Amino acid sequence: KKKKKKKKMEYEQEVDWNLLFEPEQWYITPEILKDDIVNFAIFMGAAGVAMVLFYLMRSQGYEWYRTNHKFSSYRLSEGMILKMWMGSFITLFLGGYIVFLETGQVYTSSPMILLALHVVVQLLYAFSTFVTQEISLGLLNLIVLLLVSMFTSQSFSNVAFFASYLNNIYYIFLLIHTLQTCVFWYHNEGKEAFEMVGNVTGVQTTAMIKKKVKKRGISEADKKRLQQRIKDRRAGTPTSE
């Protein structure tokens, strides 16, 4: 236990923001890149491949996604969403490379495995939402992605806090986008799901009651009363009401 604690404390160092003005103290310096250009190219190449795959899958279902939004005034712009997704791949792999350097350049470490899992779930979200156009599955992937991002952030911070800080904006965006997708799901599939549950359990929501009232219209008694009033007016006979 003591050995594990000591090993953990070697990595956990607070970020000294003053080092931003001392390039020679940065995690990634020209000297490091010169000696380790292959590994850096692998990380950035993987980020580029992930960005291209995500963009291609998103392009297939973008028009469907845009036209099915029924709450356009309460959501982030599509341009901002795309930039955040693209930027997330860069910051994730850049943070991953910093962790890779700090852990002795081991690809099989737990932070690297979580990084790979994180990117896989990101691509699964794009595939399920834009290619198969399954909103429920896409929302499920986003919720899983939130959980994976928590583990990824914790894993990065255990080695280098700065690697985790690089992705803080992305994590905030991911939370907002998940909430937005919940609303998107409710307007497109959620209402029908609640109605199905209500029909099975006998519990009726306010929306279901309004829908039934609208479908039924006026009662038969009121309809006959109105028809009689119309006949009386045509005949010139004063009505009782």
C-alpha atoms as a PDB file:
ATOM      1  CA  LYS A   1       0.000   0.000   0.000  1.00  0.00           C
ATOM      2  CA  LYS A   2       2.823   2.399   0.827  1.00  0.00           C
ATOM      3  CA  LYS A   3       4.529   1.710  -2.495  1.00  0.00           C
ATOM      4  CA  LYS A   4       1.326   2.405  -4.448  1.00  0.00           C
ATOM      5  CA  LYS A   5       0.750   5.613  -2.522  1.00  0.00           C
ATOM      6  CA  LYS A   6       4.273   6.849  -3.230  1.00  0.00           C
ATOM      7  CA  LYS A   7       3.961   6.012  -6.915  1.00  0.00           C
ATOM      8  CA  LYS A   8       0.681   7.908  -7.140  1.00  0.00           C
ATOM      9  CA  MET A   9       2.105  10.969  -5.417  1.00  0.00           C
ATOM     10  CA  GLU A  10       4.934  11.127  -7.950  1.00  0.00           C
ATOM     11  CA  TYR A  11       2.371  11.915 -10.649  1.00  0.00           C
ATOM     12  CA  GLU A  12      -0.111  14.097  -8.772  1.00  0.00           C
ATOM     13  CA  GLN A  13       1.356  17.574  -9.092  1.00  0.00           C
ATOM     14  CA  GLU A  14      -0.689  20.774  -9.147  1.00  0.00           C
ATOM     15  CA  VAL A  15      -0.472  22.851 -12.305  1.00  0.00           C
ATOM     16  CA  ASP A  16       1.868  25.817 -11.969  1.00  0.00           C
ATOM     17  CA  TRP A  17       0.399  28.290 -14.451  1.00  0.00           C
ATOM     18  CA  ASN A  18       3.529  30.430 -14.288  1.00  0.00           C
ATOM     19  CA  LEU A  19       5.239  27.704 -16.320  1.00  0.00           C
ATOM     20  CA  LEU A  20       3.167  28.829 -19.320  1.00  0.00           C
ATOM     21  CA  PHE A  21       5.710  31.640 -19.684  1.00  0.00           C
ATOM     22  CA  GLU A  22       8.639  29.213 -19.487  1.00  0.00           C
ATOM     23  CA  PRO A  23       8.559  27.134 -22.707  1.00  0.00           C
ATOM     24  CA  GLU A  24      11.547  25.070 -21.626  1.00  0.00           C
ATOM     25  CA  GLN A  25       9.447  23.693 -18.741  1.00  0.00           C
ATOM     26  CA  TRP A  26       6.474  22.625 -20.890  1.00  0.00           C
ATOM     27  CA  TYR A  27       5.370  18.996 -21.154  1.00  0.00           C
ATOM     28  CA  ILE A  28       5.911  19.090 -24.929  1.00  0.00           C
ATOM     29  CA  THR A  29       9.003  20.943 -26.154  1.00  0.00           C
ATOM     30  CA  PRO A  30      10.776  20.999 -29.529  1.00  0.00           C
ATOM     31  CA  GLU A  31      13.476  18.777 -28.027  1.00  0.00           C
ATOM     32  CA  ILE A  32      10.911  16.176 -26.935  1.00  0.00           C
ATOM     33  CA  LEU A  33       9.216  16.247 -30.335  1.00  0.00           C
ATOM     34  CA  LYS A  34      12.559  15.802 -32.047  1.00  0.00           C
ATOM     35  CA  ASP A  35      13.317  12.693 -30.002  1.00  0.00           C
ATOM     36  CA  ASP A  36       9.771  11.307 -30.031  1.00  0.00           C
ATOM     37  CA  ILE A  37       8.279  12.509 -33.318  1.00  0.00           C
ATOM     38  CA  VAL A  38       6.981   9.044 -34.251  1.00  0.00           C
ATOM     39  CA  ASN A  39       4.788   8.643 -31.173  1.00  0.00           C
ATOM     40  CA  PHE A  40       3.561  12.234 -31.456  1.00  0.00           C
ATOM     41  CA  ALA A  41       2.654  11.606 -35.107  1.00  0.00           C
ATOM     42  CA  ILE A  42       0.747   8.457 -34.079  1.00  0.00           C
ATOM     43  CA  PHE A  43      -1.348  10.395 -31.540  1.00  0.00           C
ATOM     44  CA  MET A  44      -2.088  13.303 -33.880  1.00  0.00           C
ATOM     45  CA  GLY A  45      -2.734  10.906 -36.768  1.00  0.00           C
ATOM     46  CA  ALA A  46      -5.240   8.995 -34.642  1.00  0.00           C
ATOM     47  CA  ALA A  47      -6.927  12.298 -33.770  1.00  0.00           C
ATOM     48  CA  GLY A  48      -7.138  13.174 -37.469  1.00  0.00           C
ATOM     49  CA  VAL A  49      -8.632   9.789 -38.408  1.00  0.00           C
ATOM     50  CA  ALA A  50     -11.219  10.077 -35.624  1.00  0.00           C
ATOM     51  CA  MET A  51     -12.152  13.597 -36.776  1.00  0.00           C
ATOM     52  CA  VAL A  52     -12.610  12.479 -40.388  1.00  0.00           C
ATOM     53  CA  LEU A  53     -14.738   9.452 -39.409  1.00  0.00           C
ATOM     54  CA  PHE A  54     -16.912  11.549 -37.102  1.00  0.00           C
ATOM     55  CA  TYR A  55     -17.382  14.244 -39.771  1.00  0.00           C
ATOM     56  CA  LEU A  56     -18.283  11.724 -42.499  1.00  0.00           C
ATOM     57  CA  MET A  57     -20.863   9.974 -40.300  1.00  0.00           C
ATOM     58  CA  ARG A  58     -22.338  13.290 -39.208  1.00  0.00           C
ATOM     59  CA  SER A  59     -22.607  14.480 -42.815  1.00  0.00           C
ATOM     60  CA  GLN A  60     -24.784  11.484 -43.745  1.00  0.00           C
ATOM     61  CA  GLY A  61     -27.564  12.378 -41.330  1.00  0.00           C
ATOM     62  CA  TYR A  62     -27.061  16.094 -40.792  1.00  0.00           C
ATOM     63  CA  GLU A  63     -30.134  17.211 -42.790  1.00  0.00           C
ATOM     64  CA  TRP A  64     -32.354  14.723 -40.954  1.00  0.00           C
ATOM     65  CA  TYR A  65     -30.893  15.830 -37.621  1.00  0.00           C
ATOM     66  CA  ARG A  66     -31.386  19.521 -38.369  1.00  0.00           C
ATOM     67  CA  THR A  67     -34.940  19.267 -39.686  1.00  0.00           C
ATOM     68  CA  ASN A  68     -36.108  17.118 -36.756  1.00  0.00           C
ATOM     69  CA  HIS A  69     -35.040  19.634 -34.134  1.00  0.00           C
ATOM     70  CA  LYS A  70     -38.228  21.161 -32.715  1.00  0.00           C
ATOM     71  CA  PHE A  71     -36.575  23.424 -30.166  1.00  0.00           C
ATOM     72  CA  SER A  72     -34.167  25.419 -32.365  1.00  0.00           C
ATOM     73  CA  SER A  73     -34.295  28.548 -30.184  1.00  0.00           C
ATOM     74  CA  TYR A  74     -33.086  26.621 -27.111  1.00  0.00           C
ATOM     75  CA  ARG A  75     -30.028  24.823 -28.429  1.00  0.00           C
ATOM     76  CA  LEU A  76     -26.398  25.405 -29.333  1.00  0.00           C
ATOM     77  CA  SER A  77     -25.747  26.308 -32.959  1.00  0.00           C
ATOM     78  CA  GLU A  78     -24.742  23.438 -35.253  1.00  0.00           C
ATOM     79  CA  GLY A  79     -21.509  25.230 -36.138  1.00  0.00           C
ATOM     80  CA  MET A  80     -20.504  25.443 -32.472  1.00  0.00           C
ATOM     81  CA  ILE A  81     -21.412  21.792 -31.866  1.00  0.00           C
ATOM     82  CA  LEU A  82     -19.278  20.636 -34.795  1.00  0.00           C
ATOM     83  CA  LYS A  83     -16.298  22.763 -33.675  1.00  0.00           C
ATOM     84  CA  MET A  84     -16.534  21.370 -30.148  1.00  0.00           C
ATOM     85  CA  TRP A  85     -16.615  17.774 -31.390  1.00  0.00           C
ATOM     86  CA  MET A  86     -13.655  18.359 -33.704  1.00  0.00           C
ATOM     87  CA  GLY A  87     -11.699  20.187 -31.023  1.00  0.00           C
ATOM     88  CA  SER A  88     -12.390  17.437 -28.493  1.00  0.00           C
ATOM     89  CA  PHE A  89     -10.385  14.923 -30.519  1.00  0.00           C
ATOM     90  CA  ILE A  90      -7.371  17.254 -30.589  1.00  0.00           C
ATOM     91  CA  THR A  91      -7.430  18.045 -26.849  1.00  0.00           C
ATOM     92  CA  LEU A  92      -8.078  14.414 -25.897  1.00  0.00           C
ATOM     93  CA  PHE A  93      -5.145  13.069 -27.900  1.00  0.00           C
ATOM     94  CA  LEU A  94      -2.900  15.974 -26.875  1.00  0.00           C
ATOM     95  CA  GLY A  95      -3.688  15.272 -23.225  1.00  0.00           C
ATOM     96  CA  GLY A  96      -3.215  11.584 -23.923  1.00  0.00           C
ATOM     97  CA  TYR A  97       0.232  12.240 -25.379  1.00  0.00           C
ATOM     98  CA  ILE A  98       1.240  14.203 -22.259  1.00  0.00           C
ATOM     99  CA  VAL A  99       0.109  11.291 -20.080  1.00  0.00           C
ATOM    100  CA  PHE A 100       1.923   8.914 -22.436  1.00  0.00           C
ATOM    101  CA  LEU A 101       5.185  10.828 -21.869  1.00  0.00           C
ATOM    102  CA  GLU A 102       4.724  10.995 -18.100  1.00  0.00           C
ATOM    103  CA  THR A 103       3.998   7.274 -17.729  1.00  0.00           C
ATOM    104  CA  GLY A 104       7.119   6.195 -19.582  1.00  0.00           C
ATOM    105  CA  GLN A 105       5.641   5.890 -23.094  1.00  0.00           C
ATOM    106  CA  VAL A 106       3.470   2.838 -22.453  1.00  0.00           C
ATOM    107  CA  TYR A 107       0.541   2.324 -24.833  1.00  0.00           C
ATOM    108  CA  THR A 108      -1.123  -0.302 -22.632  1.00  0.00           C
ATOM    109  CA  SER A 109      -1.499   1.884 -19.518  1.00  0.00           C
ATOM    110  CA  SER A 110      -4.996   2.425 -18.132  1.00  0.00           C
ATOM    111  CA  PRO A 111      -5.189   6.102 -19.283  1.00  0.00           C
ATOM    112  CA  MET A 112      -4.397   5.031 -22.856  1.00  0.00           C
ATOM    113  CA  ILE A 113      -7.052   2.291 -22.748  1.00  0.00           C
ATOM    114  CA  LEU A 114      -9.626   4.786 -21.446  1.00  0.00           C
ATOM    115  CA  LEU A 115      -8.636   7.256 -24.164  1.00  0.00           C
ATOM    116  CA  ALA A 116      -9.218   4.613 -26.851  1.00  0.00           C
ATOM    117  CA  LEU A 117     -12.550   3.627 -25.264  1.00  0.00           C
ATOM    118  CA  HIS A 118     -13.580   7.283 -25.109  1.00  0.00           C
ATOM    119  CA  VAL A 119     -12.982   7.807 -28.825  1.00  0.00           C
ATOM    120  CA  VAL A 120     -14.795   4.550 -29.718  1.00  0.00           C
ATOM    121  CA  VAL A 121     -17.898   5.683 -27.804  1.00  0.00           C
ATOM    122  CA  GLN A 122     -17.713   9.100 -29.522  1.00  0.00           C
ATOM    123  CA  LEU A 123     -17.746   7.402 -32.921  1.00  0.00           C
ATOM    124  CA  LEU A 124     -20.558   5.049 -31.828  1.00  0.00           C
ATOM    125  CA  TYR A 125     -22.612   8.106 -30.899  1.00  0.00           C
ATOM    126  CA  ALA A 126     -22.068   9.605 -34.358  1.00  0.00           C
ATOM    127  CA  PHE A 127     -22.935   6.304 -36.046  1.00  0.00           C
ATOM    128  CA  SER A 128     -26.116   5.662 -34.057  1.00  0.00           C
ATOM    129  CA  THR A 129     -27.363   9.263 -34.285  1.00  0.00           C
ATOM    130  CA  PHE A 130     -26.507  10.256 -37.847  1.00  0.00           C
ATOM    131  CA  VAL A 131     -26.093   7.005 -39.812  1.00  0.00           C
ATOM    132  CA  THR A 132     -28.759   4.734 -38.301  1.00  0.00           C
ATOM    133  CA  GLN A 133     -30.779   7.765 -37.056  1.00  0.00           C
ATOM    134  CA  GLU A 134     -31.630   6.035 -33.783  1.00  0.00           C
ATOM    135  CA  ILE A 135     -32.087   8.903 -31.338  1.00  0.00           C
ATOM    136  CA  SER A 136     -32.609   6.651 -28.315  1.00  0.00           C
ATOM    137  CA  LEU A 137     -29.395   4.730 -29.027  1.00  0.00           C
ATOM    138  CA  GLY A 138     -27.519   7.979 -29.638  1.00  0.00           C
ATOM    139  CA  LEU A 139     -28.707   9.353 -26.290  1.00  0.00           C
ATOM    140  CA  LEU A 140     -27.650   6.128 -24.570  1.00  0.00           C
ATOM    141  CA  ASN A 141     -24.185   6.445 -26.143  1.00  0.00           C
ATOM    142  CA  LEU A 142     -23.945  10.050 -24.908  1.00  0.00           C
ATOM    143  CA  ILE A 143     -24.786   8.995 -21.352  1.00  0.00           C
ATOM    144  CA  VAL A 144     -22.138   6.254 -21.554  1.00  0.00           C
ATOM    145  CA  LEU A 145     -19.717   8.838 -22.976  1.00  0.00           C
ATOM    146  CA  LEU A 146     -20.328  11.085 -19.960  1.00  0.00           C
ATOM    147  CA  LEU A 147     -19.394   8.228 -17.626  1.00  0.00           C
ATOM    148  CA  VAL A 148     -16.316   7.310 -19.674  1.00  0.00           C
ATOM    149  CA  SER A 149     -15.226  10.970 -19.757  1.00  0.00           C
ATOM    150  CA  MET A 150     -15.306  11.079 -15.941  1.00  0.00           C
ATOM    151  CA  PHE A 151     -13.008   8.064 -15.730  1.00  0.00           C
ATOM    152  CA  THR A 152     -10.769   9.497 -18.479  1.00  0.00           C
ATOM    153  CA  SER A 153     -10.479  12.842 -16.691  1.00  0.00           C
ATOM    154  CA  GLN A 154      -9.662  11.158 -13.375  1.00  0.00           C
ATOM    155  CA  SER A 155      -7.127   8.867 -15.036  1.00  0.00           C
ATOM    156  CA  PHE A 156      -5.402  11.811 -16.749  1.00  0.00           C
ATOM    157  CA  SER A 157      -5.354  13.932 -13.574  1.00  0.00           C
ATOM    158  CA  ASN A 158      -3.708  11.112 -11.625  1.00  0.00           C
ATOM    159  CA  VAL A 159      -0.736  11.457 -13.952  1.00  0.00           C
ATOM    160  CA  ALA A 160      -0.750  15.112 -15.067  1.00  0.00           C
ATOM    161  CA  PHE A 161      -3.408  17.612 -14.008  1.00  0.00           C
ATOM    162  CA  PHE A 162      -2.769  19.763 -17.058  1.00  0.00           C
ATOM    163  CA  ALA A 163      -3.733  16.878 -19.363  1.00  0.00           C
ATOM    164  CA  SER A 164      -7.132  16.776 -17.650  1.00  0.00           C
ATOM    165  CA  TYR A 165      -7.537  20.567 -17.655  1.00  0.00           C
ATOM    166  CA  LEU A 166      -7.098  20.615 -21.418  1.00  0.00           C
ATOM    167  CA  ASN A 167     -10.483  18.886 -21.748  1.00  0.00           C
ATOM    168  CA  ASN A 168     -12.523  20.811 -19.161  1.00  0.00           C
ATOM    169  CA  ILE A 169     -14.352  22.883 -21.791  1.00  0.00           C
ATOM    170  CA  TYR A 170     -15.148  19.710 -23.732  1.00  0.00           C
ATOM    171  CA  TYR A 171     -16.576  18.035 -20.621  1.00  0.00           C
ATOM    172  CA  ILE A 172     -18.860  21.031 -19.970  1.00  0.00           C
ATOM    173  CA  PHE A 173     -19.983  20.982 -23.610  1.00  0.00           C
ATOM    174  CA  LEU A 174     -20.647  17.240 -23.382  1.00  0.00           C
ATOM    175  CA  LEU A 175     -22.949  17.752 -20.390  1.00  0.00           C
ATOM    176  CA  ILE A 176     -24.878  20.565 -22.128  1.00  0.00           C
ATOM    177  CA  HIS A 177     -25.124  18.584 -25.361  1.00  0.00           C
ATOM    178  CA  THR A 178     -26.435  15.523 -23.491  1.00  0.00           C
ATOM    179  CA  LEU A 179     -29.187  17.617 -21.881  1.00  0.00           C
ATOM    180  CA  GLN A 180     -30.009  19.097 -25.279  1.00  0.00           C
ATOM    181  CA  THR A 181     -30.195  15.617 -26.793  1.00  0.00           C
ATOM    182  CA  CYS A 182     -32.589  14.576 -24.011  1.00  0.00           C
ATOM    183  CA  VAL A 183     -34.980  17.306 -25.174  1.00  0.00           C
ATOM    184  CA  PHE A 184     -34.418  16.260 -28.798  1.00  0.00           C
ATOM    185  CA  TRP A 185     -35.247  12.655 -27.873  1.00  0.00           C
ATOM    186  CA  TYR A 186     -38.384  13.667 -25.967  1.00  0.00           C
ATOM    187  CA  HIS A 187     -39.813  15.680 -28.880  1.00  0.00           C
ATOM    188  CA  ASN A 188     -39.119  12.948 -31.447  1.00  0.00           C
ATOM    189  CA  GLU A 189     -39.374   9.607 -29.641  1.00  0.00           C
ATOM    190  CA  GLY A 190     -39.966  10.271 -25.960  1.00  0.00           C
ATOM    191  CA  LYS A 191     -43.625  11.287 -26.200  1.00  0.00           C
ATOM    192  CA  GLU A 192     -44.517   8.098 -28.051  1.00  0.00           C
ATOM    193  CA  ALA A 193     -42.539   6.043 -25.529  1.00  0.00           C
ATOM    194  CA  PHE A 194     -44.404   7.646 -22.621  1.00  0.00           C
ATOM    195  CA  GLU A 195     -47.722   7.026 -24.378  1.00  0.00           C
ATOM    196  CA  MET A 196     -46.858   3.346 -24.830  1.00  0.00           C
ATOM    197  CA  VAL A 197     -45.944   3.073 -21.169  1.00  0.00           C
ATOM    198  CA  GLY A 198     -49.172   4.869 -20.232  1.00  0.00           C
ATOM    199  CA  ASN A 199     -51.276   2.513 -22.334  1.00  0.00           C
ATOM    200  CA  VAL A 200     -49.658  -0.503 -20.687  1.00  0.00           C
ATOM    201  CA  THR A 201     -49.752   0.775 -17.095  1.00  0.00           C
ATOM    202  CA  GLY A 202     -52.942   2.824 -17.354  1.00  0.00           C
ATOM    203  CA  VAL A 203     -51.164   6.010 -16.275  1.00  0.00           C
ATOM    204  CA  GLN A 204     -52.001   8.975 -18.509  1.00  0.00           C
ATOM    205  CA  THR A 205     -49.828  12.051 -18.918  1.00  0.00           C
ATOM    206  CA  THR A 206     -51.225  15.557 -19.477  1.00  0.00           C
ATOM    207  CA  ALA A 207     -50.192  15.382 -23.147  1.00  0.00           C
ATOM    208  CA  MET A 208     -52.079  12.100 -23.588  1.00  0.00           C
ATOM    209  CA  ILE A 209     -55.242  13.529 -22.006  1.00  0.00           C
ATOM    210  CA  LYS A 210     -55.117  16.640 -24.229  1.00  0.00           C
ATOM    211  CA  LYS A 211     -54.588  14.454 -27.289  1.00  0.00           C
ATOM    212  CA  LYS A 212     -57.633  12.320 -26.425  1.00  0.00           C
ATOM    213  CA  VAL A 213     -59.824  15.390 -25.796  1.00  0.00           C
ATOM    214  CA  LYS A 214     -58.752  16.904 -29.098  1.00  0.00           C
ATOM    215  CA  LYS A 215     -59.394  13.623 -30.921  1.00  0.00           C
ATOM    216  CA  ARG A 216     -62.834  13.105 -29.379  1.00  0.00           C
ATOM    217  CA  GLY A 217     -64.069  16.649 -29.980  1.00  0.00           C
ATOM    218  CA  ILE A 218     -67.501  17.623 -28.579  1.00  0.00           C
ATOM    219  CA  SER A 219     -69.862  15.088 -27.052  1.00  0.00           C
ATOM    220  CA  GLU A 220     -72.859  13.626 -28.909  1.00  0.00           C
ATOM    221  CA  ALA A 221     -75.335  15.448 -26.642  1.00  0.00           C
ATOM    222  CA  ASP A 222     -73.729  18.833 -27.361  1.00  0.00           C
ATOM    223  CA  LYS A 223     -73.618  18.016 -31.068  1.00  0.00           C
ATOM    224  CA  LYS A 224     -77.388  17.234 -31.159  1.00  0.00           C
ATOM    225  CA  ARG A 225     -78.153  20.402 -29.188  1.00  0.00           C
ATOM    226  CA  LEU A 226     -76.196  22.530 -31.662  1.00  0.00           C
ATOM    227  CA  GLN A 227     -77.862  20.857 -34.653  1.00  0.00           C
ATOM    228  CA  GLN A 228     -81.305  21.557 -33.153  1.00  0.00           C
ATOM    229  CA  ARG A 229     -80.433  25.221 -32.627  1.00  0.00           C
ATOM    230  CA  ILE A 230     -79.371  25.515 -36.273  1.00  0.00           C
ATOM    231  CA  LYS A 231     -82.676  23.939 -37.432  1.00  0.00           C
ATOM    232  CA  ASP A 232     -84.691  26.285 -35.185  1.00  0.00           C
ATOM    233  CA  ARG A 233     -82.898  29.338 -36.552  1.00  0.00           C
ATOM    234  CA  ARG A 234     -83.535  28.274 -40.149  1.00  0.00           C
ATOM    235  CA  ALA A 235     -87.217  27.708 -39.364  1.00  0.00           C
ATOM    236  CA  GLY A 236     -87.519  31.029 -37.568  1.00  0.00           C
ATOM    237  CA  THR A 237     -88.494  29.323 -34.318  1.00  0.00           C
ATOM    238  CA  PRO A 238     -87.020  30.915 -31.173  1.00  0.00           C
ATOM    239  CA  THR A 239     -84.788  28.565 -29.282  1.00  0.00           C
ATOM    240  CA  SER A 240     -85.123  27.815 -25.608  1.00  0.00           C
ATOM    241  CA  GLU A 241     -81.516  28.732 -24.908  1.00  0.00           C
END
